[in-house]
């Protein structure tokens, strides 16, 4: 029973590290500047 908890904790930590790494990578590769989108909701302008 103790081993199962340890594996669960290690697995949860591994998932958290992978998710954080993916988030950081995504934020680092975002283009900087102004983003202009035209879609069904209209015109959208966002500054990055």
Protein backbone atom coordinates (compact mmCIF):
# COMPACT_ATOMS: atom_id res chain seq x y z
CA UNK A 1 0.00 0.00 0.00
CA UNK A 2 2.85 2.38 0.82
CA UNK A 3 4.48 1.75 -2.56
CA UNK A 4 1.27 2.64 -4.39
CA UNK A 5 1.13 6.03 -2.68
CA UNK A 6 4.75 6.69 -3.52
CA UNK A 7 4.15 5.84 -7.19
CA UNK A 8 1.07 8.06 -7.21
CA UNK A 9 3.00 11.01 -5.76
CA UNK A 10 5.89 10.53 -8.20
CA UNK A 11 3.46 10.27 -11.12
CA UNK A 12 1.61 13.42 -10.07
CA UNK A 13 4.88 15.33 -9.76
CA UNK A 14 6.01 14.11 -13.18
CA UNK A 15 2.73 15.25 -14.75
CA UNK A 16 3.03 18.65 -13.04
CA UNK A 17 6.60 19.12 -14.31
CA UNK A 18 5.61 18.17 -17.86
CA UNK A 19 2.60 20.51 -17.80
CA UNK A 20 4.70 23.39 -16.44
CA UNK A 21 7.36 22.78 -19.09
CA UNK A 22 4.74 22.79 -21.85
CA UNK A 23 3.25 26.04 -20.51
CA UNK A 24 6.64 27.76 -20.32
CA UNK A 25 7.58 26.59 -23.81
CA UNK A 26 4.29 27.88 -25.20
CA UNK A 27 4.73 31.26 -23.52
CA UNK A 28 8.32 31.59 -24.74
CA UNK A 29 7.42 30.88 -28.36
CA UNK A 30 4.52 33.34 -28.48
CA UNK A 31 5.09 36.07 -31.02
CA UNK A 32 5.43 39.54 -29.55
CA UNK A 33 3.64 42.57 -30.92
CA UNK A 34 0.05 43.14 -31.96
CA UNK A 35 -2.29 40.35 -32.98
CA UNK A 36 -5.25 41.21 -35.21
CA UNK A 37 -7.95 38.60 -35.77
CA UNK A 38 -11.10 38.73 -37.86
CA UNK A 39 -13.65 36.01 -37.14
CA UNK A 40 -17.40 35.50 -36.80
CA UNK A 41 -17.42 37.70 -33.67
CA UNK A 42 -15.85 40.63 -35.49
CA UNK A 43 -12.47 42.34 -35.31
CA UNK A 44 -10.18 41.63 -32.37
CA UNK A 45 -6.91 43.46 -31.60
CA UNK A 46 -4.62 42.23 -28.80
CA UNK A 47 -1.23 43.44 -27.71
CA UNK A 48 1.19 40.66 -26.68
